[in-house]
């Protein structure tokens, strides 16, 4: 599944050792705000294991998050995790603007414009 939004919180990394297997683990949690639709929705998600190192997000970044939803039972209660396995950071609109076509120049206010091109149009 995927969802688009803006990162509004980046929580500190948490690590530990599994009580069953004795293996070390770590996770990083983020909160994404999706503003599509009438009401903004906040989604807390986890980057677990090696994804905690690979996925490094900053507050304010616009992202597309790909995730799996997983539920598990513990002592008669059910808990649900949203586990991110990939996150693409969207480029800002200014960086994605197309470059001007060759031969077209822009001038700053008050600057002298370049001389006009010769009129070679046959009609």
C-alpha atoms as a PDB file:
ATOM      1  CA  UNK A   1       0.000   0.000   0.000  1.00  0.00           C
ATOM      2  CA  UNK A   2       1.062   3.613  -0.358  1.00  0.00           C
ATOM      3  CA  UNK A   3       0.150   7.013   1.010  1.00  0.00           C
ATOM      4  CA  UNK A   4       1.377  10.545   0.265  1.00  0.00           C
ATOM      5  CA  UNK A   5       1.835  13.274   2.834  1.00  0.00           C
ATOM      6  CA  UNK A   6       4.198  15.434   4.841  1.00  0.00           C
ATOM      7  CA  UNK A   7       6.359  14.280   7.752  1.00  0.00           C
ATOM      8  CA  UNK A   8       5.193  16.204  10.848  1.00  0.00           C
ATOM      9  CA  UNK A   9       7.177  14.322  13.530  1.00  0.00           C
ATOM     10  CA  UNK A  10      10.364  12.258  13.642  1.00  0.00           C
ATOM     11  CA  UNK A  11      10.735  10.342  16.897  1.00  0.00           C
ATOM     12  CA  UNK A  12      14.118   9.204  18.263  1.00  0.00           C
ATOM     13  CA  UNK A  13      15.493   5.789  17.374  1.00  0.00           C
ATOM     14  CA  UNK A  14      14.622   2.994  19.819  1.00  0.00           C
ATOM     15  CA  UNK A  15      16.709  -0.177  20.133  1.00  0.00           C
ATOM     16  CA  UNK A  16      16.875  -3.256  22.279  1.00  0.00           C
ATOM     17  CA  UNK A  17      17.467  -6.987  22.391  1.00  0.00           C
ATOM     18  CA  UNK A  18      14.791  -9.586  21.690  1.00  0.00           C
ATOM     19  CA  UNK A  19      13.838 -11.494  24.836  1.00  0.00           C
ATOM     20  CA  UNK A  20      13.094 -14.656  22.837  1.00  0.00           C
ATOM     21  CA  UNK A  21      16.050 -14.917  20.456  1.00  0.00           C
ATOM     22  CA  UNK A  22      18.537 -12.480  22.000  1.00  0.00           C
ATOM     23  CA  UNK A  23      18.968 -10.636  18.683  1.00  0.00           C
ATOM     24  CA  UNK A  24      19.422  -6.858  18.680  1.00  0.00           C
ATOM     25  CA  UNK A  25      16.724  -4.726  17.023  1.00  0.00           C
ATOM     26  CA  UNK A  26      16.052  -1.063  16.326  1.00  0.00           C
ATOM     27  CA  UNK A  27      13.225   1.032  14.995  1.00  0.00           C
ATOM     28  CA  UNK A  28      12.550   4.627  14.040  1.00  0.00           C
ATOM     29  CA  UNK A  29       9.037   6.104  14.140  1.00  0.00           C
ATOM     30  CA  UNK A  30       7.588   8.981  12.120  1.00  0.00           C
ATOM     31  CA  UNK A  31       4.209  10.682  11.803  1.00  0.00           C
ATOM     32  CA  UNK A  32       2.897  11.535   8.337  1.00  0.00           C
ATOM     33  CA  UNK A  33       0.006  13.918   7.690  1.00  0.00           C
ATOM     34  CA  UNK A  34      -2.105  13.164   4.626  1.00  0.00           C
ATOM     35  CA  UNK A  35      -4.120  16.208   3.537  1.00  0.00           C
ATOM     36  CA  UNK A  36      -6.075  14.553   0.723  1.00  0.00           C
ATOM     37  CA  UNK A  37      -9.813  14.603   1.271  1.00  0.00           C
ATOM     38  CA  UNK A  38     -11.858  16.825   3.563  1.00  0.00           C
ATOM     39  CA  UNK A  39     -10.055  16.066   6.807  1.00  0.00           C
ATOM     40  CA  UNK A  40      -6.279  15.765   7.357  1.00  0.00           C
ATOM     41  CA  UNK A  41      -5.264  12.346   8.634  1.00  0.00           C
ATOM     42  CA  UNK A  42      -2.195  11.575  10.700  1.00  0.00           C
ATOM     43  CA  UNK A  43      -0.502   8.200  10.369  1.00  0.00           C
ATOM     44  CA  UNK A  44       2.229   6.974  12.728  1.00  0.00           C
ATOM     45  CA  UNK A  45       4.503   4.423  11.072  1.00  0.00           C
ATOM     46  CA  UNK A  46       7.638   2.462  11.897  1.00  0.00           C
ATOM     47  CA  UNK A  47      10.871   1.793  10.021  1.00  0.00           C
ATOM     48  CA  UNK A  48      12.183  -1.424  11.568  1.00  0.00           C
ATOM     49  CA  UNK A  49      15.559  -3.191  11.394  1.00  0.00           C
ATOM     50  CA  UNK A  50      17.757  -2.246   8.440  1.00  0.00           C
ATOM     51  CA  UNK A  51      15.050   0.139   7.179  1.00  0.00           C
ATOM     52  CA  UNK A  52      15.698   2.280  10.277  1.00  0.00           C
ATOM     53  CA  UNK A  53      19.137   3.015   8.813  1.00  0.00           C
ATOM     54  CA  UNK A  54      18.104   3.236   5.147  1.00  0.00           C
ATOM     55  CA  UNK A  55      15.086   5.521   5.615  1.00  0.00           C
ATOM     56  CA  UNK A  56      16.138   8.823   7.179  1.00  0.00           C
ATOM     57  CA  UNK A  57      13.357  11.429   7.025  1.00  0.00           C
ATOM     58  CA  UNK A  58      13.151  15.048   8.157  1.00  0.00           C
ATOM     59  CA  UNK A  59      10.168  17.010   9.471  1.00  0.00           C
ATOM     60  CA  UNK A  60       8.578  18.972   6.615  1.00  0.00           C
ATOM     61  CA  UNK A  61       9.525  16.583   3.812  1.00  0.00           C
ATOM     62  CA  UNK A  62       6.790  15.608   1.353  1.00  0.00           C
ATOM     63  CA  UNK A  63       6.962  11.845   0.825  1.00  0.00           C
ATOM     64  CA  UNK A  64       5.272   8.847  -0.721  1.00  0.00           C
ATOM     65  CA  UNK A  65       5.388   6.032   1.829  1.00  0.00           C
ATOM     66  CA  UNK A  66       5.014   2.361   0.905  1.00  0.00           C
ATOM     67  CA  UNK A  67       3.979   0.148   3.787  1.00  0.00           C
ATOM     68  CA  UNK A  68       2.467  -3.086   5.072  1.00  0.00           C
ATOM     69  CA  UNK A  69      -0.150  -3.290   7.823  1.00  0.00           C
ATOM     70  CA  UNK A  70       0.399  -6.046  10.376  1.00  0.00           C
ATOM     71  CA  UNK A  71      -1.634  -7.012  13.461  1.00  0.00           C
ATOM     72  CA  UNK A  72      -0.667  -9.348  16.285  1.00  0.00           C
ATOM     73  CA  UNK A  73      -2.254 -10.600  19.472  1.00  0.00           C
ATOM     74  CA  UNK A  74      -0.654 -10.240  22.899  1.00  0.00           C
ATOM     75  CA  UNK A  75      -2.403 -11.265  26.127  1.00  0.00           C
ATOM     76  CA  UNK A  76      -5.843 -11.194  24.532  1.00  0.00           C
ATOM     77  CA  UNK A  77      -5.413  -7.748  22.916  1.00  0.00           C
ATOM     78  CA  UNK A  78      -4.668  -6.922  19.298  1.00  0.00           C
ATOM     79  CA  UNK A  79      -2.015  -4.428  18.215  1.00  0.00           C
ATOM     80  CA  UNK A  80      -1.544  -3.036  14.703  1.00  0.00           C
ATOM     81  CA  UNK A  81       1.711  -1.781  13.159  1.00  0.00           C
ATOM     82  CA  UNK A  82       2.217   0.184   9.971  1.00  0.00           C
ATOM     83  CA  UNK A  83       5.656  -0.877   8.753  1.00  0.00           C
ATOM     84  CA  UNK A  84       7.303   1.260   6.104  1.00  0.00           C
ATOM     85  CA  UNK A  85       9.492  -0.634   3.645  1.00  0.00           C
ATOM     86  CA  UNK A  86      10.187   2.232   1.206  1.00  0.00           C
ATOM     87  CA  UNK A  87       9.787   5.997   1.298  1.00  0.00           C
ATOM     88  CA  UNK A  88      10.317   8.313  -1.684  1.00  0.00           C
ATOM     89  CA  UNK A  89      11.022  11.959  -0.890  1.00  0.00           C
ATOM     90  CA  UNK A  90       9.236  14.332  -3.270  1.00  0.00           C
ATOM     91  CA  UNK A  91      11.381  17.027  -4.866  1.00  0.00           C
ATOM     92  CA  UNK A  92      10.391  20.650  -4.183  1.00  0.00           C
ATOM     93  CA  UNK A  93       8.483  22.354  -7.007  1.00  0.00           C
ATOM     94  CA  UNK A  94      11.266  24.898  -7.590  1.00  0.00           C
ATOM     95  CA  UNK A  95      13.819  22.145  -8.228  1.00  0.00           C
ATOM     96  CA  UNK A  96      11.453  20.319 -10.561  1.00  0.00           C
ATOM     97  CA  UNK A  97      10.780  23.404 -12.732  1.00  0.00           C
ATOM     98  CA  UNK A  98      11.883  22.868 -16.330  1.00  0.00           C
ATOM     99  CA  UNK A  99      14.943  24.708 -17.594  1.00  0.00           C
ATOM    100  CA  UNK A 100      14.329  27.460 -20.148  1.00  0.00           C
ATOM    101  CA  UNK A 101      14.628  26.487 -23.795  1.00  0.00           C
ATOM    102  CA  UNK A 102      17.987  27.203 -25.462  1.00  0.00           C
ATOM    103  CA  UNK A 103      18.246  30.723 -26.816  1.00  0.00           C
ATOM    104  CA  UNK A 104      15.656  32.109 -24.392  1.00  0.00           C
ATOM    105  CA  UNK A 105      17.116  34.273 -21.661  1.00  0.00           C
ATOM    106  CA  UNK A 106      15.507  35.926 -18.719  1.00  0.00           C
ATOM    107  CA  UNK A 107      16.483  39.321 -17.424  1.00  0.00           C
ATOM    108  CA  UNK A 108      16.303  40.780 -13.980  1.00  0.00           C
ATOM    109  CA  UNK A 109      14.169  43.878 -13.444  1.00  0.00           C
ATOM    110  CA  UNK A 110      16.084  46.952 -14.573  1.00  0.00           C
ATOM    111  CA  UNK A 111      18.566  44.937 -16.658  1.00  0.00           C
ATOM    112  CA  UNK A 112      19.154  45.670 -20.317  1.00  0.00           C
ATOM    113  CA  UNK A 113      17.425  43.047 -22.528  1.00  0.00           C
ATOM    114  CA  UNK A 114      19.531  41.226 -25.125  1.00  0.00           C
ATOM    115  CA  UNK A 115      19.398  42.484 -28.727  1.00  0.00           C
ATOM    116  CA  UNK A 116      16.584  41.007 -30.855  1.00  0.00           C
ATOM    117  CA  UNK A 117      17.298  37.986 -33.021  1.00  0.00           C
ATOM    118  CA  UNK A 118      17.407  38.538 -36.816  1.00  0.00           C
ATOM    119  CA  UNK A 119      14.051  38.191 -38.559  1.00  0.00           C
ATOM    120  CA  UNK A 120      14.603  35.205 -40.845  1.00  0.00           C
ATOM    121  CA  UNK A 121      10.939  34.197 -41.160  1.00  0.00           C
ATOM    122  CA  UNK A 122      10.068  33.816 -44.885  1.00  0.00           C
ATOM    123  CA  UNK A 123       6.505  35.175 -44.651  1.00  0.00           C
END
